[in-house]
Amino acid sequence: MKRVVKKPEVRKQELISIALHQFIQNGYEKTSVRSILKEANGEIGMFYYYFESKNDIFEAALDYYNEIFIEKLKESIDINQSILQQFDSILVNTFASIDKYRQFNKEASSETILILHASTLDKLVPIFKDNLKQNEPSLSSYKDEDLMSIVRFLLYGISGIIHNKDIDDINIKKQQVKQVCKLVLNGIENKIQ
């Protein structure tokens, strides 16, 4: 078989894409470095040139997944909308990708998933902090750190509601998220006034 030469960044991204697909399809435990290399028509040395371990490529695949997810969120958010409407856009995208995310996470260690989930939420914080500051002029007196804490509180709260296993009805979850966001944001506005 003839060897196909690709630029290093292209080859690395190919490995990450293949790994992401396999982790989603098979879970962490059933995906191996060898199965990734088989699909990429690569050798073991090539893998270790780019990654230290299976966990290393798993984290790279999750980062890649998060980049795609965050980019979709950014595209769906209209910065001219109220912050509540923006959080509603998050919900629409989040519920659309939850099944895929659950598939991705079902066999991975909970500790790794918690760390990576927190990483995803933390990447969203600055985006929503900027939108909050831009769309709620009454918050201009708040320090960036305070706004980041507020947004972090909202995002982690939304995540808790979305992942609540006691409630199966997505519409109830959406209502709860909207209620919490309204309470928090109205409380902030009332404090300012």
C-alpha atoms as a PDB file:
ATOM      1  CA  MET A   1       0.000   0.000   0.000  1.00  0.00           C
ATOM      2  CA  LYS A   2       1.350   3.383  -0.985  1.00  0.00           C
ATOM      3  CA  ARG A   3       1.936   5.806   1.876  1.00  0.00           C
ATOM      4  CA  VAL A   4       0.054   9.103   1.669  1.00  0.00           C
ATOM      5  CA  VAL A   5       2.101  12.061   2.868  1.00  0.00           C
ATOM      6  CA  LYS A   6       0.157  14.855   4.516  1.00  0.00           C
ATOM      7  CA  LYS A   7       1.188  18.015   6.310  1.00  0.00           C
ATOM      8  CA  PRO A   8       1.602  17.429  10.069  1.00  0.00           C
ATOM      9  CA  GLU A   9      -1.288  19.715  11.069  1.00  0.00           C
ATOM     10  CA  VAL A  10      -3.572  18.025   8.519  1.00  0.00           C
ATOM     11  CA  ARG A  11      -2.588  14.540   9.751  1.00  0.00           C
ATOM     12  CA  LYS A  12      -3.071  15.514  13.407  1.00  0.00           C
ATOM     13  CA  GLN A  13      -6.527  16.962  12.688  1.00  0.00           C
ATOM     14  CA  GLU A  14      -7.417  13.820  10.749  1.00  0.00           C
ATOM     15  CA  LEU A  15      -6.506  11.691  13.777  1.00  0.00           C
ATOM     16  CA  ILE A  16      -8.567  13.936  16.067  1.00  0.00           C
ATOM     17  CA  SER A  17     -11.590  13.765  13.745  1.00  0.00           C
ATOM     18  CA  ILE A  18     -11.364   9.989  13.487  1.00  0.00           C
ATOM     19  CA  ALA A  19     -10.961   9.689  17.260  1.00  0.00           C
ATOM     20  CA  LEU A  20     -13.968  11.955  17.869  1.00  0.00           C
ATOM     21  CA  HIS A  21     -16.097   9.824  15.565  1.00  0.00           C
ATOM     22  CA  GLN A  22     -14.957   6.596  17.229  1.00  0.00           C
ATOM     23  CA  PHE A  23     -15.391   7.915  20.778  1.00  0.00           C
ATOM     24  CA  ILE A  24     -18.933   8.991  19.912  1.00  0.00           C
ATOM     25  CA  GLN A  25     -19.746   5.687  18.223  1.00  0.00           C
ATOM     26  CA  ASN A  26     -17.980   3.291  20.581  1.00  0.00           C
ATOM     27  CA  GLY A  27     -17.339   5.111  23.842  1.00  0.00           C
ATOM     28  CA  TYR A  28     -13.956   5.613  25.492  1.00  0.00           C
ATOM     29  CA  GLU A  29     -13.219   2.038  26.553  1.00  0.00           C
ATOM     30  CA  LYS A  30     -14.076   0.442  23.197  1.00  0.00           C
ATOM     31  CA  THR A  31     -11.981   2.914  21.193  1.00  0.00           C
ATOM     32  CA  SER A  32      -8.319   2.056  20.894  1.00  0.00           C
ATOM     33  CA  VAL A  33      -5.257   3.786  19.507  1.00  0.00           C
ATOM     34  CA  ARG A  34      -4.984   0.909  17.038  1.00  0.00           C
ATOM     35  CA  SER A  35      -8.583   1.348  15.805  1.00  0.00           C
ATOM     36  CA  ILE A  36      -7.937   5.058  15.233  1.00  0.00           C
ATOM     37  CA  LEU A  37      -4.724   4.274  13.342  1.00  0.00           C
ATOM     38  CA  LYS A  38      -6.408   1.551  11.302  1.00  0.00           C
ATOM     39  CA  GLU A  39      -9.014   4.015  10.056  1.00  0.00           C
ATOM     40  CA  ALA A  40      -6.294   6.613   9.366  1.00  0.00           C
ATOM     41  CA  ASN A  41      -4.034   4.047   7.639  1.00  0.00           C
ATOM     42  CA  GLY A  42      -1.280   5.075  10.023  1.00  0.00           C
ATOM     43  CA  GLU A  43       1.426   3.515  12.139  1.00  0.00           C
ATOM     44  CA  ILE A  44       1.845   3.574  15.907  1.00  0.00           C
ATOM     45  CA  GLY A  45       4.861   5.908  15.699  1.00  0.00           C
ATOM     46  CA  MET A  46       2.734   8.465  13.874  1.00  0.00           C
ATOM     47  CA  PHE A  47       0.215   8.463  16.707  1.00  0.00           C
ATOM     48  CA  TYR A  48       2.849   9.021  19.375  1.00  0.00           C
ATOM     49  CA  TYR A  49       4.417  11.792  17.327  1.00  0.00           C
ATOM     50  CA  TYR A  50       1.222  13.817  17.935  1.00  0.00           C
ATOM     51  CA  PHE A  51      -0.207  12.412  21.170  1.00  0.00           C
ATOM     52  CA  GLU A  52       1.180  11.016  24.396  1.00  0.00           C
ATOM     53  CA  SER A  53      -1.692   8.635  25.100  1.00  0.00           C
ATOM     54  CA  LYS A  54      -5.249   7.612  24.334  1.00  0.00           C
ATOM     55  CA  ASN A  55      -6.418  10.069  26.988  1.00  0.00           C
ATOM     56  CA  ASP A  56      -4.446  12.836  25.266  1.00  0.00           C
ATOM     57  CA  ILE A  57      -6.287  12.288  21.966  1.00  0.00           C
ATOM     58  CA  PHE A  58      -9.557  11.931  23.891  1.00  0.00           C
ATOM     59  CA  GLU A  59      -9.023  15.397  25.383  1.00  0.00           C
ATOM     60  CA  ALA A  60      -8.071  16.769  21.948  1.00  0.00           C
ATOM     61  CA  ALA A  61     -11.232  15.216  20.478  1.00  0.00           C
ATOM     62  CA  LEU A  62     -13.354  16.748  23.240  1.00  0.00           C
ATOM     63  CA  ASP A  63     -11.704  20.133  22.681  1.00  0.00           C
ATOM     64  CA  TYR A  64     -12.470  19.815  18.981  1.00  0.00           C
ATOM     65  CA  TYR A  65     -16.081  18.857  19.790  1.00  0.00           C
ATOM     66  CA  ASN A  66     -16.340  21.852  22.135  1.00  0.00           C
ATOM     67  CA  GLU A  67     -14.954  24.202  19.477  1.00  0.00           C
ATOM     68  CA  ILE A  68     -17.648  23.040  17.059  1.00  0.00           C
ATOM     69  CA  PHE A  69     -20.358  23.295  19.740  1.00  0.00           C
ATOM     70  CA  ILE A  70     -19.280  26.784  20.826  1.00  0.00           C
ATOM     71  CA  GLU A  71     -19.046  27.966  17.224  1.00  0.00           C
ATOM     72  CA  LYS A  72     -22.630  26.767  16.611  1.00  0.00           C
ATOM     73  CA  LEU A  73     -23.732  28.608  19.742  1.00  0.00           C
ATOM     74  CA  LYS A  74     -21.993  31.797  18.642  1.00  0.00           C
ATOM     75  CA  GLU A  75     -23.684  31.571  15.241  1.00  0.00           C
ATOM     76  CA  SER A  76     -27.108  31.104  16.820  1.00  0.00           C
ATOM     77  CA  ILE A  77     -26.821  33.979  19.283  1.00  0.00           C
ATOM     78  CA  ASP A  78     -27.987  37.351  18.112  1.00  0.00           C
ATOM     79  CA  ILE A  79     -26.102  39.881  20.225  1.00  0.00           C
ATOM     80  CA  ASN A  80     -28.922  42.356  19.672  1.00  0.00           C
ATOM     81  CA  GLN A  81     -31.324  40.105  21.585  1.00  0.00           C
ATOM     82  CA  SER A  82     -31.895  40.349  25.302  1.00  0.00           C
ATOM     83  CA  ILE A  83     -29.731  38.144  27.462  1.00  0.00           C
ATOM     84  CA  LEU A  84     -32.780  35.938  28.198  1.00  0.00           C
ATOM     85  CA  GLN A  85     -33.309  35.399  24.478  1.00  0.00           C
ATOM     86  CA  GLN A  86     -29.617  34.547  24.153  1.00  0.00           C
ATOM     87  CA  PHE A  87     -29.887  31.955  26.919  1.00  0.00           C
ATOM     88  CA  ASP A  88     -32.919  30.562  25.076  1.00  0.00           C
ATOM     89  CA  SER A  89     -30.702  30.149  22.000  1.00  0.00           C
ATOM     90  CA  ILE A  90     -28.262  28.220  24.171  1.00  0.00           C
ATOM     91  CA  LEU A  91     -31.079  25.926  25.220  1.00  0.00           C
ATOM     92  CA  VAL A  92     -32.160  25.204  21.676  1.00  0.00           C
ATOM     93  CA  ASN A  93     -28.599  24.254  20.687  1.00  0.00           C
ATOM     94  CA  THR A  94     -27.871  22.435  23.914  1.00  0.00           C
ATOM     95  CA  PHE A  95     -30.935  20.212  23.734  1.00  0.00           C
ATOM     96  CA  ALA A  96     -30.165  19.510  20.073  1.00  0.00           C
ATOM     97  CA  SER A  97     -26.702  18.205  20.961  1.00  0.00           C
ATOM     98  CA  ILE A  98     -27.395  16.540  24.322  1.00  0.00           C
ATOM     99  CA  ASP A  99     -28.004  13.093  22.841  1.00  0.00           C
ATOM    100  CA  LYS A 100     -24.720  13.218  20.947  1.00  0.00           C
ATOM    101  CA  TYR A 101     -22.926  14.476  24.056  1.00  0.00           C
ATOM    102  CA  ARG A 102     -24.471  11.667  26.147  1.00  0.00           C
ATOM    103  CA  GLN A 103     -23.240   9.104  23.614  1.00  0.00           C
ATOM    104  CA  PHE A 104     -19.796  10.616  23.834  1.00  0.00           C
ATOM    105  CA  ASN A 105     -19.769  10.464  27.611  1.00  0.00           C
ATOM    106  CA  LYS A 106     -21.473   7.168  28.375  1.00  0.00           C
ATOM    107  CA  GLU A 107     -18.334   5.084  28.750  1.00  0.00           C
ATOM    108  CA  ALA A 108     -15.759   7.674  29.744  1.00  0.00           C
ATOM    109  CA  SER A 109     -14.701   8.165  33.325  1.00  0.00           C
ATOM    110  CA  SER A 110     -16.967  10.549  35.210  1.00  0.00           C
ATOM    111  CA  GLU A 111     -13.985  12.472  36.546  1.00  0.00           C
ATOM    112  CA  THR A 112     -12.688  13.204  33.030  1.00  0.00           C
ATOM    113  CA  ILE A 113     -16.158  14.129  31.814  1.00  0.00           C
ATOM    114  CA  LEU A 114     -16.738  16.509  34.724  1.00  0.00           C
ATOM    115  CA  ILE A 115     -13.427  18.227  34.042  1.00  0.00           C
ATOM    116  CA  LEU A 116     -14.130  18.539  30.320  1.00  0.00           C
ATOM    117  CA  HIS A 117     -17.747  19.601  30.851  1.00  0.00           C
ATOM    118  CA  ALA A 118     -16.548  22.333  33.206  1.00  0.00           C
ATOM    119  CA  SER A 119     -14.005  23.336  30.570  1.00  0.00           C
ATOM    120  CA  THR A 120     -16.778  23.723  27.978  1.00  0.00           C
ATOM    121  CA  LEU A 121     -18.851  25.864  30.311  1.00  0.00           C
ATOM    122  CA  ASP A 122     -15.820  27.977  31.208  1.00  0.00           C
ATOM    123  CA  LYS A 123     -15.178  28.624  27.507  1.00  0.00           C
ATOM    124  CA  LEU A 124     -18.725  29.982  27.214  1.00  0.00           C
ATOM    125  CA  VAL A 125     -18.341  32.385  30.160  1.00  0.00           C
ATOM    126  CA  PRO A 126     -16.421  35.190  28.386  1.00  0.00           C
ATOM    127  CA  ILE A 127     -18.802  35.053  25.415  1.00  0.00           C
ATOM    128  CA  PHE A 128     -21.841  35.578  27.624  1.00  0.00           C
ATOM    129  CA  LYS A 129     -20.085  38.075  29.859  1.00  0.00           C
ATOM    130  CA  ASP A 130     -19.442  40.280  26.823  1.00  0.00           C
ATOM    131  CA  ASN A 131     -23.022  39.845  25.598  1.00  0.00           C
ATOM    132  CA  LEU A 132     -24.415  40.589  29.051  1.00  0.00           C
ATOM    133  CA  LYS A 133     -22.321  43.723  29.330  1.00  0.00           C
ATOM    134  CA  GLN A 134     -23.330  44.878  25.847  1.00  0.00           C
ATOM    135  CA  ASN A 135     -27.055  44.139  26.187  1.00  0.00           C
ATOM    136  CA  GLU A 136     -27.645  45.215  29.752  1.00  0.00           C
ATOM    137  CA  PRO A 137     -26.312  48.790  30.033  1.00  0.00           C
ATOM    138  CA  SER A 138     -27.380  48.858  33.676  1.00  0.00           C
ATOM    139  CA  LEU A 139     -24.583  46.361  34.355  1.00  0.00           C
ATOM    140  CA  SER A 140     -21.805  48.601  33.043  1.00  0.00           C
ATOM    141  CA  SER A 141     -20.814  49.508  36.605  1.00  0.00           C
ATOM    142  CA  TYR A 142     -20.070  45.858  37.399  1.00  0.00           C
ATOM    143  CA  LYS A 143     -16.472  44.645  37.253  1.00  0.00           C
ATOM    144  CA  ASP A 144     -15.697  42.013  34.630  1.00  0.00           C
ATOM    145  CA  GLU A 145     -14.901  39.476  37.375  1.00  0.00           C
ATOM    146  CA  ASP A 146     -18.354  40.015  38.909  1.00  0.00           C
ATOM    147  CA  LEU A 147     -20.083  39.615  35.554  1.00  0.00           C
ATOM    148  CA  MET A 148     -18.065  36.468  34.882  1.00  0.00           C
ATOM    149  CA  SER A 149     -19.219  35.081  38.240  1.00  0.00           C
ATOM    150  CA  ILE A 150     -22.850  35.852  37.382  1.00  0.00           C
ATOM    151  CA  VAL A 151     -22.572  34.195  33.964  1.00  0.00           C
ATOM    152  CA  ARG A 152     -20.709  31.202  35.438  1.00  0.00           C
ATOM    153  CA  PHE A 153     -23.491  30.851  38.028  1.00  0.00           C
ATOM    154  CA  LEU A 154     -26.136  30.927  35.279  1.00  0.00           C
ATOM    155  CA  LEU A 155     -24.329  28.504  32.957  1.00  0.00           C
ATOM    156  CA  TYR A 156     -23.595  25.968  35.680  1.00  0.00           C
ATOM    157  CA  GLY A 157     -27.177  26.348  36.920  1.00  0.00           C
ATOM    158  CA  ILE A 158     -28.517  25.762  33.424  1.00  0.00           C
ATOM    159  CA  SER A 159     -26.283  22.713  33.120  1.00  0.00           C
ATOM    160  CA  GLY A 160     -27.620  21.349  36.406  1.00  0.00           C
ATOM    161  CA  ILE A 161     -31.198  21.733  35.214  1.00  0.00           C
ATOM    162  CA  ILE A 162     -30.492  20.243  31.784  1.00  0.00           C
ATOM    163  CA  HIS A 163     -28.780  17.194  33.278  1.00  0.00           C
ATOM    164  CA  ASN A 164     -31.362  16.657  36.043  1.00  0.00           C
ATOM    165  CA  LYS A 165     -32.306  12.996  35.633  1.00  0.00           C
ATOM    166  CA  ASP A 166     -35.447  13.387  37.781  1.00  0.00           C
ATOM    167  CA  ILE A 167     -37.157  15.386  35.016  1.00  0.00           C
ATOM    168  CA  ASP A 168     -37.512  13.871  31.543  1.00  0.00           C
ATOM    169  CA  ASP A 169     -39.689  16.567  29.958  1.00  0.00           C
ATOM    170  CA  ILE A 170     -37.477  18.998  28.031  1.00  0.00           C
ATOM    171  CA  ASN A 171     -40.191  21.674  28.076  1.00  0.00           C
ATOM    172  CA  ILE A 172     -40.251  21.642  31.881  1.00  0.00           C
ATOM    173  CA  LYS A 173     -36.466  21.992  31.897  1.00  0.00           C
ATOM    174  CA  LYS A 174     -36.677  24.939  29.485  1.00  0.00           C
ATOM    175  CA  GLN A 175     -39.242  26.641  31.729  1.00  0.00           C
ATOM    176  CA  GLN A 176     -37.064  26.103  34.790  1.00  0.00           C
ATOM    177  CA  VAL A 177     -34.023  27.546  33.025  1.00  0.00           C
ATOM    178  CA  LYS A 178     -35.969  30.618  31.906  1.00  0.00           C
ATOM    179  CA  GLN A 179     -37.322  31.105  35.417  1.00  0.00           C
ATOM    180  CA  VAL A 180     -33.879  30.906  37.024  1.00  0.00           C
ATOM    181  CA  CYS A 181     -32.366  33.290  34.456  1.00  0.00           C
ATOM    182  CA  LYS A 182     -35.181  35.796  34.972  1.00  0.00           C
ATOM    183  CA  LEU A 183     -34.859  35.628  38.744  1.00  0.00           C
ATOM    184  CA  VAL A 184     -31.104  36.123  38.692  1.00  0.00           C
ATOM    185  CA  LEU A 185     -31.103  38.881  36.075  1.00  0.00           C
ATOM    186  CA  ASN A 186     -34.091  40.689  37.592  1.00  0.00           C
ATOM    187  CA  GLY A 187     -32.410  40.488  40.981  1.00  0.00           C
ATOM    188  CA  ILE A 188     -29.292  42.104  39.533  1.00  0.00           C
ATOM    189  CA  GLU A 189     -31.304  44.879  37.882  1.00  0.00           C
ATOM    190  CA  ASN A 190     -33.260  45.534  41.095  1.00  0.00           C
ATOM    191  CA  LYS A 191     -30.019  45.789  43.045  1.00  0.00           C
ATOM    192  CA  ILE A 192     -28.745  48.401  40.599  1.00  0.00           C
ATOM    193  CA  GLN A 193     -31.922  50.480  40.762  1.00  0.00           C
END
